[in-house]
């Protein structure tokens, strides 16, 4: 067959993506992208700092972001996005706005960040109470909670892993187990939605399963990033049945304040192996109750049983190097 008869590929539109140097999940972004849109990905320069608030600040300096965006101008993207959750919430809501302005000036196109996209998604889904899952340390997790609080959103529960490197190696089973713990109804009531934070955390295939099980919208860092970026192009993200990108999927998730969460469905995934803190208030480092500190199969401060082999310690030094 003479391929010249096809006349070449169809016209493509572009989204410029600025990602941290350690970003390992390029494929997740592509899976939400329609066929007529191309992603043009560049990375921030390497810095020898582990995942922490310090790293988030360093890789999110305006000059760094502007330099990265400038490398994308030749391919003329219609929008640019900073695909990093912690890097875009570390300066709070005002800091996130300033990042977008700096990137937009550098590329002369609309700009969005992962954390800005998160707030857009919460408005879209009418979320006022949110459960959080993060792979971060306690200090980074607390910064995310403060960020959404600035937007008027209450965190009802959280689960975090205390990781400082190689977050992309976390399994779907571990993500699902943390999600179930974070979404348990606590003293602040049930969550309206669940957010799986960090663009380096694998989430694509687990979202529909968790929405069906928890009966609330489940959104992730990479999902909201692509959803918001593609909105700037006037087009839509693609993907399996999920509340954020398919309005017909919202009717079965129990969206809205006071939605009840059912128990785990039969055949649920086996509990994860890795340090997890079940739902409850985030406390300053060093002030966690002894019953969740390095105790396997313990009961947390809210009385929620922990899984065997799961440690709730938020000690950042102890967790370094866990993969």
Protein backbone atom coordinates (compact mmCIF):
# COMPACT_ATOMS: atom_id res chain seq x y z
CA UNK A 1 0.00 0.00 0.00
CA UNK A 2 1.25 3.46 -0.89
CA UNK A 3 1.13 5.37 2.40
CA UNK A 4 1.52 8.65 0.55
CA UNK A 5 -2.18 8.34 -0.33
CA UNK A 6 -3.06 9.13 3.27
CA UNK A 7 -1.60 12.63 3.00
CA UNK A 8 0.25 12.53 6.32
CA UNK A 9 -0.95 12.69 9.93
CA UNK A 10 -3.82 14.92 10.94
CA UNK A 11 -3.19 18.38 12.37
CA UNK A 12 -2.03 18.38 15.97
CA UNK A 13 -2.56 20.84 18.80
CA UNK A 14 -0.02 21.05 21.58
CA UNK A 15 0.22 21.32 25.36
CA UNK A 16 3.60 22.20 26.83
CA UNK A 17 4.35 20.29 30.03
CA UNK A 18 6.98 21.37 32.56
CA UNK A 19 7.71 18.45 34.90
CA UNK A 20 10.14 17.99 37.82
CA UNK A 21 13.42 16.30 36.98
CA UNK A 22 12.35 13.06 38.70
CA UNK A 23 8.96 12.76 36.97
CA UNK A 24 8.58 9.15 35.79
CA UNK A 25 4.94 8.87 34.70
CA UNK A 26 4.85 10.58 31.30
CA UNK A 27 2.59 7.78 30.06
CA UNK A 28 -0.13 8.63 32.58
CA UNK A 29 -0.45 12.11 31.10
CA UNK A 30 -0.75 10.72 27.58
CA UNK A 31 -3.54 8.32 28.57
CA UNK A 32 -5.87 11.26 29.32
CA UNK A 33 -4.90 13.04 26.08
CA UNK A 34 -7.09 12.85 22.93
CA UNK A 35 -5.48 11.75 19.67
CA UNK A 36 -5.40 15.23 18.13
CA UNK A 37 -3.36 16.73 20.99
CA UNK A 38 0.38 16.28 21.48
CA UNK A 39 2.26 16.75 24.75
CA UNK A 40 5.61 18.50 24.60
CA UNK A 41 7.40 17.65 27.84
CA UNK A 42 10.44 19.31 29.37
CA UNK A 43 11.97 18.88 32.82
CA UNK A 44 13.38 21.18 35.45
CA UNK A 45 17.15 20.89 36.14
CA UNK A 46 18.26 18.17 38.56
CA UNK A 47 18.91 19.20 42.14
CA UNK A 48 20.29 16.77 44.77
CA UNK A 49 17.41 17.22 47.23
CA UNK A 50 14.94 14.56 48.38
CA UNK A 51 11.18 15.05 48.14
CA UNK A 52 10.44 17.71 50.73
CA UNK A 53 9.19 21.27 51.08
CA UNK A 54 12.74 22.44 50.29
CA UNK A 55 12.69 20.55 46.98
CA UNK A 56 9.23 21.89 46.18
CA UNK A 57 10.48 25.45 46.61
CA UNK A 58 13.69 24.96 44.64
CA UNK A 59 12.11 23.41 41.54
CA UNK A 60 9.29 25.97 41.51
CA UNK A 61 11.27 29.20 41.39
CA UNK A 62 9.87 31.53 38.77
CA UNK A 63 13.12 31.71 36.84
CA UNK A 64 13.26 27.91 36.64
CA UNK A 65 9.70 27.70 35.35
CA UNK A 66 10.17 30.53 32.87
CA UNK A 67 13.34 28.96 31.48
CA UNK A 68 11.54 25.65 31.06
CA UNK A 69 8.59 27.26 29.28
CA UNK A 70 10.95 29.13 26.95
CA UNK A 71 12.34 25.80 25.71
CA UNK A 72 8.84 24.91 24.49
CA UNK A 73 8.09 28.05 22.48
CA UNK A 74 9.45 26.66 19.20
CA UNK A 75 6.74 23.98 19.09
CA UNK A 76 4.06 26.64 19.78
CA UNK A 77 1.89 24.95 22.42
CA UNK A 78 -1.55 26.46 22.99
CA UNK A 79 -1.17 26.15 26.77
CA UNK A 80 1.55 25.26 29.24
CA UNK A 81 1.22 23.30 32.45
CA UNK A 82 3.44 22.76 35.48
CA UNK A 83 2.92 19.09 36.35
CA UNK A 84 3.91 19.10 40.01
CA UNK A 85 1.57 19.11 42.99
CA UNK A 86 3.86 20.01 45.90
CA UNK A 87 5.82 22.47 43.79
CA UNK A 88 2.65 24.37 42.99
CA UNK A 89 1.01 24.38 46.45
CA UNK A 90 4.14 25.16 48.49
CA UNK A 91 3.57 28.91 48.15
CA UNK A 92 -0.14 28.77 48.91
CA UNK A 93 -2.94 30.00 46.65
CA UNK A 94 -1.26 33.35 45.94
CA UNK A 95 2.02 31.62 45.16
CA UNK A 96 0.27 29.31 42.70
CA UNK A 97 -1.30 32.30 40.94
CA UNK A 98 2.11 33.96 40.67
CA UNK A 99 3.57 30.78 39.09
CA UNK A 100 0.87 30.77 36.43
CA UNK A 101 1.49 34.42 35.65
CA UNK A 102 5.25 33.85 35.33
CA UNK A 103 4.76 30.87 33.02
CA UNK A 104 2.16 32.65 30.91
CA UNK A 105 4.46 35.63 30.43
CA UNK A 106 7.29 33.35 29.32
CA UNK A 107 5.17 31.44 26.81
CA UNK A 108 2.51 34.02 25.87
CA UNK A 109 -0.13 31.29 26.34
CA UNK A 110 -2.49 30.26 29.16
CA UNK A 111 -0.77 28.44 32.03
CA UNK A 112 -2.02 26.05 34.68
CA UNK A 113 -0.43 24.11 37.55
CA UNK A 114 -1.44 20.83 39.12
CA UNK A 115 -2.52 22.47 42.37
CA UNK A 116 -4.44 25.17 40.53
CA UNK A 117 -6.12 22.41 38.51
CA UNK A 118 -7.02 20.68 41.77
CA UNK A 119 -8.93 23.72 42.98
CA UNK A 120 -10.69 24.00 39.60
CA UNK A 121 -11.74 20.36 39.88
CA UNK A 122 -13.07 20.85 43.42
CA UNK A 123 -15.24 23.71 42.16
CA UNK A 124 -16.40 21.62 39.19
CA UNK A 125 -17.45 18.78 41.51
CA UNK A 126 -18.81 21.09 44.25
CA UNK A 127 -16.46 19.64 46.86
CA UNK A 128 -16.31 21.23 50.29
CA UNK A 129 -14.92 18.30 52.29
CA UNK A 130 -11.97 16.38 50.93
CA UNK A 131 -10.05 13.23 51.85
CA UNK A 132 -6.34 13.23 50.97
CA UNK A 133 -3.92 10.48 49.97
CA UNK A 134 -0.27 11.46 49.61
CA UNK A 135 3.07 9.66 49.33
CA UNK A 136 4.69 12.62 51.12
CA UNK A 137 6.15 13.23 54.54
CA UNK A 138 3.93 14.71 57.24
CA UNK A 139 5.22 18.26 56.67
CA UNK A 140 4.48 18.20 52.93
CA UNK A 141 1.07 16.61 53.56
CA UNK A 142 0.26 19.32 56.07
CA UNK A 143 1.21 22.00 53.52
CA UNK A 144 -1.28 20.50 51.05
CA UNK A 145 -3.98 20.54 53.70
CA UNK A 146 -3.25 24.22 54.38
CA UNK A 147 -3.41 24.97 50.66
CA UNK A 148 -6.91 23.54 50.17
CA UNK A 149 -8.01 25.19 53.41
CA UNK A 150 -7.16 28.56 51.85
CA UNK A 151 -9.74 27.72 49.18
CA UNK A 152 -12.37 26.96 51.83
CA UNK A 153 -12.09 23.17 51.65
CA UNK A 154 -12.00 21.06 54.83
CA UNK A 155 -9.87 17.92 54.97
CA UNK A 156 -11.85 15.12 56.61
CA UNK A 157 -9.09 12.51 56.61
CA UNK A 158 -5.69 11.76 55.20
CA UNK A 159 -3.26 8.90 54.62
CA UNK A 160 0.40 9.46 53.81
CA UNK A 161 3.47 7.29 53.29
CA UNK A 162 6.44 9.44 54.30
CA UNK A 163 8.39 8.83 51.09
CA UNK A 164 11.30 11.02 50.04
CA UNK A 165 12.23 9.36 46.74
CA UNK A 166 11.10 6.98 43.97
CA UNK A 167 7.42 7.62 44.53
CA UNK A 168 6.57 6.21 41.11
CA UNK A 169 7.29 2.71 42.47
CA UNK A 170 4.23 2.76 44.75
CA UNK A 171 1.75 0.09 43.61
CA UNK A 172 -1.95 0.43 42.80
CA UNK A 173 -2.66 -1.88 45.73
CA UNK A 174 -0.96 0.54 48.11
CA UNK A 175 -2.77 3.52 46.61
CA UNK A 176 -6.14 1.78 46.99
CA UNK A 177 -5.44 0.81 50.59
CA UNK A 178 -4.49 4.37 51.52
CA UNK A 179 -7.62 5.68 49.78
CA UNK A 180 -9.89 3.43 51.85
CA UNK A 181 -8.25 4.63 55.06
CA UNK A 182 -8.40 8.31 54.16
CA UNK A 183 -12.06 8.09 53.16
CA UNK A 184 -13.31 6.54 56.42
CA UNK A 185 -16.01 8.74 57.94
CA UNK A 186 -14.46 10.61 60.86
CA UNK A 187 -15.44 13.29 63.31
CA UNK A 188 -15.77 15.82 60.46
CA UNK A 189 -18.20 13.60 58.57
CA UNK A 190 -17.85 11.99 55.16
CA UNK A 191 -15.73 13.42 52.35
CA UNK A 192 -17.34 14.79 49.18
CA UNK A 193 -14.35 13.55 47.16
CA UNK A 194 -10.92 11.95 47.47
CA UNK A 195 -7.70 13.43 46.06
CA UNK A 196 -4.68 11.25 45.21
CA UNK A 197 -1.80 13.72 45.34
CA UNK A 198 1.56 13.81 43.51
CA UNK A 199 2.10 13.56 39.76
CA UNK A 200 4.66 10.82 40.45
CA UNK A 201 2.04 8.59 42.14
CA UNK A 202 0.50 5.97 39.77
CA UNK A 203 -3.29 6.43 39.74
CA UNK A 204 -4.78 6.04 36.25
CA UNK A 205 -6.23 2.52 36.46
CA UNK A 206 -7.31 2.68 40.10
CA UNK A 207 -9.64 5.70 39.83
CA UNK A 208 -12.75 3.95 38.40
CA UNK A 209 -12.45 1.10 40.92
CA UNK A 210 -12.20 3.48 43.87
CA UNK A 211 -15.12 5.61 42.68
CA UNK A 212 -17.30 2.52 42.40
CA UNK A 213 -16.27 1.35 45.85
CA UNK A 214 -16.24 4.61 47.81
CA UNK A 215 -19.22 6.21 46.00
CA UNK A 216 -17.52 9.60 45.81
CA UNK A 217 -15.49 11.26 43.02
CA UNK A 218 -11.85 10.26 43.07
CA UNK A 219 -9.42 12.68 41.44
CA UNK A 220 -5.67 12.46 41.02
CA UNK A 221 -2.83 14.88 40.35
CA UNK A 222 -2.17 13.76 36.78
CA UNK A 223 -5.88 13.54 36.00
CA UNK A 224 -6.72 17.09 37.13
CA UNK A 225 -3.58 18.40 35.40
CA UNK A 226 -4.61 17.07 32.00
CA UNK A 227 -8.31 17.87 32.53
CA UNK A 228 -7.49 21.53 33.24
CA UNK A 229 -4.84 21.86 30.53
CA UNK A 230 -7.15 20.46 27.86
CA UNK A 231 -9.92 22.81 28.97
CA UNK A 232 -7.60 25.66 27.97
CA UNK A 233 -7.68 24.21 24.46
CA UNK A 234 -11.45 23.95 24.49
CA UNK A 235 -11.32 20.17 24.40
CA UNK A 236 -11.83 17.33 26.88
CA UNK A 237 -9.71 14.72 28.58
CA UNK A 238 -10.43 11.12 27.63
CA UNK A 239 -10.41 8.01 29.78
CA UNK A 240 -12.46 5.33 31.51
CA UNK A 241 -15.70 6.12 33.36
CA UNK A 242 -14.73 8.67 36.04
CA UNK A 243 -16.58 11.57 37.62
CA UNK A 244 -14.30 14.46 36.71
CA UNK A 245 -14.23 13.87 32.96
CA UNK A 246 -17.62 12.22 32.48
CA UNK A 247 -20.62 14.03 33.95
CA UNK A 248 -22.76 10.90 33.62
CA UNK A 249 -20.42 9.20 36.12
CA UNK A 250 -21.26 11.73 38.83
CA UNK A 251 -24.80 10.54 39.49
CA UNK A 252 -23.59 7.31 41.08
CA UNK A 253 -20.88 8.76 43.30
CA UNK A 254 -23.00 10.42 45.97
CA UNK A 255 -21.47 13.86 45.35
CA UNK A 256 -22.26 16.54 47.92
CA UNK A 257 -21.92 17.23 51.61
CA UNK A 258 -23.06 14.43 53.86
CA UNK A 259 -22.75 11.62 51.32
CA UNK A 260 -22.42 8.29 53.09
CA UNK A 261 -19.59 5.92 52.31
CA UNK A 262 -20.32 2.20 52.06
CA UNK A 263 -17.99 -0.44 53.40
CA UNK A 264 -15.41 -2.21 51.22
CA UNK A 265 -16.84 -4.29 48.41
CA UNK A 266 -16.25 -8.02 48.17
CA UNK A 267 -12.96 -8.86 46.54
CA UNK A 268 -11.30 -5.59 47.56
CA UNK A 269 -7.58 -5.33 47.06
CA UNK A 270 -5.28 -6.81 49.70
CA UNK A 271 -4.05 -4.19 52.21
CA UNK A 272 -0.82 -2.50 51.26
CA UNK A 273 2.59 -3.06 52.72
CA UNK A 274 4.07 0.32 53.49
CA UNK A 275 3.77 3.00 56.16
CA UNK A 276 0.28 4.52 56.21
CA UNK A 277 -1.39 6.93 58.61
CA UNK A 278 -5.16 6.41 58.73
CA UNK A 279 -7.66 9.22 58.96
CA UNK A 280 -7.35 11.71 61.79
CA UNK A 281 -5.90 15.13 62.42
CA UNK A 282 -2.44 15.87 61.07
CA UNK A 283 -0.25 16.66 64.03
CA UNK A 284 3.13 18.38 64.19
CA UNK A 285 6.12 16.05 63.88
CA UNK A 286 7.07 14.53 67.19
CA UNK A 287 3.56 14.89 68.63
CA UNK A 288 1.88 11.85 67.12
CA UNK A 289 0.16 9.50 69.55
CA UNK A 290 2.39 6.56 70.54
CA UNK A 291 -0.17 4.03 69.31
CA UNK A 292 0.48 4.96 65.65
CA UNK A 293 4.25 5.25 65.93
CA UNK A 294 6.09 2.31 64.45
CA UNK A 295 3.52 -0.18 65.76
CA UNK A 296 2.49 -2.88 63.30
CA UNK A 297 -1.20 -3.73 63.16
CA UNK A 298 -1.96 -1.01 65.71
CA UNK A 299 -5.12 1.02 66.20
CA UNK A 300 -4.93 4.68 65.29
CA UNK A 301 -6.04 7.69 67.31
CA UNK A 302 -9.54 7.54 65.80
CA UNK A 303 -9.96 3.88 66.72
CA UNK A 304 -9.57 2.61 63.16
CA UNK A 305 -7.71 -0.71 63.02
CA UNK A 306 -4.45 -0.65 61.10
CA UNK A 307 -3.49 -3.38 58.65
CA UNK A 308 -0.88 -5.95 59.58
CA UNK A 309 2.56 -4.84 58.46
CA UNK A 310 1.51 -1.19 58.23
CA UNK A 311 3.33 1.40 60.26
CA UNK A 312 1.85 4.81 60.88
CA UNK A 313 5.08 6.53 61.84
CA UNK A 314 5.51 9.99 60.32
CA UNK A 315 9.22 10.07 61.17
CA UNK A 316 10.72 11.53 57.97
CA UNK A 317 14.25 10.26 58.57
CA UNK A 318 13.02 6.73 59.24
CA UNK A 319 11.16 6.66 55.91
CA UNK A 320 14.01 7.84 53.69
CA UNK A 321 14.88 5.34 50.99
CA UNK A 322 11.64 3.32 51.28
CA UNK A 323 10.51 2.25 47.82
